[in-house]
Protein backbone atom coordinates (compact mmCIF):
# COMPACT_ATOMS: atom_id res chain seq x y z
CA MET A 1 110.92 120.39 104.01
CA LYS A 2 108.94 119.15 107.17
CA ARG A 3 108.33 115.70 107.57
CA ASP A 4 104.40 116.10 107.92
CA ALA A 5 104.15 118.29 105.02
CA VAL A 6 106.01 115.43 102.97
CA THR A 7 104.08 112.69 103.93
CA GLY A 8 100.42 115.02 103.88
CA GLY A 9 101.74 115.60 100.33
CA GLY A 10 102.29 112.12 99.13
CA CYS A 11 98.73 111.15 100.58
CA LEU A 12 96.96 113.84 98.28
CA VAL A 13 99.29 113.45 95.21
CA SER A 14 98.32 108.84 95.62
CA ALA A 15 94.83 109.95 96.47
CA ALA A 16 94.34 112.47 93.13
CA GLY A 17 96.41 109.41 91.28
CA VAL A 18 93.82 107.16 91.69
CA VAL A 19 90.49 108.99 90.97
CA GLY A 20 92.69 110.22 88.09
CA ALA A 21 93.51 106.68 87.38
CA VAL A 22 89.98 105.41 87.23
CA TRP A 23 88.26 107.84 85.80
CA LEU A 24 90.45 107.80 82.79
CA TRP A 25 90.16 103.36 82.55
CA GLY A 26 86.32 104.47 82.91
CA ALA A 27 85.79 106.50 80.11
CA SER A 28 88.25 104.39 77.92
CA ASP A 29 86.51 102.67 75.26
CA ARG A 30 87.83 99.86 75.65
CA THR A 31 86.03 100.00 79.49
CA GLN A 32 83.14 101.46 77.61
CA ARG A 33 82.64 98.56 75.39
CA HIS A 34 82.90 96.01 78.38
CA LEU A 35 80.61 97.49 80.24
CA GLY A 36 78.00 97.01 78.33
CA ASN A 37 77.55 100.77 76.11
CA GLU A 38 77.46 98.60 73.02
CA PHE A 39 73.61 97.90 70.75
CA GLU A 40 71.92 95.60 73.10
CA ASN A 41 74.68 95.34 76.04
CA ASN A 42 76.26 93.40 73.79
CA GLY A 43 79.84 92.82 74.33
CA GLN A 44 78.96 92.97 78.27
CA ASP A 45 82.24 91.26 80.51
CA PHE A 46 81.54 92.67 84.31
CA GLY A 47 85.06 90.33 84.37
CA ALA A 48 86.91 92.35 82.84
CA ALA A 49 86.13 95.35 85.36
CA LEU A 50 86.57 92.88 88.13
CA THR A 51 90.62 91.96 86.81
CA GLU A 52 90.78 95.34 85.82
CA LEU A 53 89.86 97.39 88.70
CA PRO A 54 91.57 96.76 91.39
CA PHE A 55 94.66 96.99 89.45
CA VAL A 56 94.21 99.98 88.09
CA PHE A 57 93.63 101.37 91.50
CA LEU A 58 97.22 100.32 92.64
CA ALA A 59 98.76 101.75 89.69
CA GLY A 60 97.30 105.30 89.96
CA ALA A 61 98.09 105.01 94.04
CA VAL A 62 101.38 103.54 93.84
CA VAL A 63 103.17 105.54 90.90
CA PRO A 64 102.57 108.74 91.66
CA ALA A 65 103.16 108.50 95.68
CA VAL A 66 106.67 106.69 94.49
CA VAL A 67 107.82 109.73 91.53
CA TRP A 68 106.14 112.04 95.17
CA GLY A 69 108.73 110.27 97.61
CA LEU A 70 112.20 110.12 95.19
CA GLY A 71 111.51 113.98 94.10
CA ALA A 72 111.33 115.12 97.36
CA TRP A 73 114.03 112.74 98.49
CA LEU A 74 115.96 114.00 95.50
CA LEU A 75 115.04 117.47 97.09
CA GLY A 76 116.69 116.87 100.10
CA ARG A 77 119.75 115.72 99.19
CA ARG A 78 120.58 118.58 97.41
CA ARG A 79 119.25 120.95 100.29
CA ARG A 80 122.05 119.04 102.55
CA PRO A 81 124.70 120.78 103.37
CA ARG A 82 127.99 118.73 102.31
CA SER A 83 130.66 117.67 104.97
CA SER A 84 133.76 118.40 104.05
CA GLN A 85 136.28 115.19 103.31
CA PHE A 86 139.07 116.57 104.38
CA HIS A 87 139.11 117.85 107.87
CA ALA A 88 142.16 120.42 108.73
């Protein structure tokens, strides 16, 4: 693989991870409870959103990028020709 393709793929995977992580976090029952989807907004707590959302965003960006990079490194290592240790 070319280096530009690997970098572009890593960025796309990272962006998809951010979107997926934030969507799953926002759709969870716990988050909905904190954002006020209970009866008459009981239990509304925007502090939970302000403290959790940055971590969700970072985890969604970093974890897929690390997995992508590890996979690219392993595939690149596997495809490289091995030099013989014994020279004739």
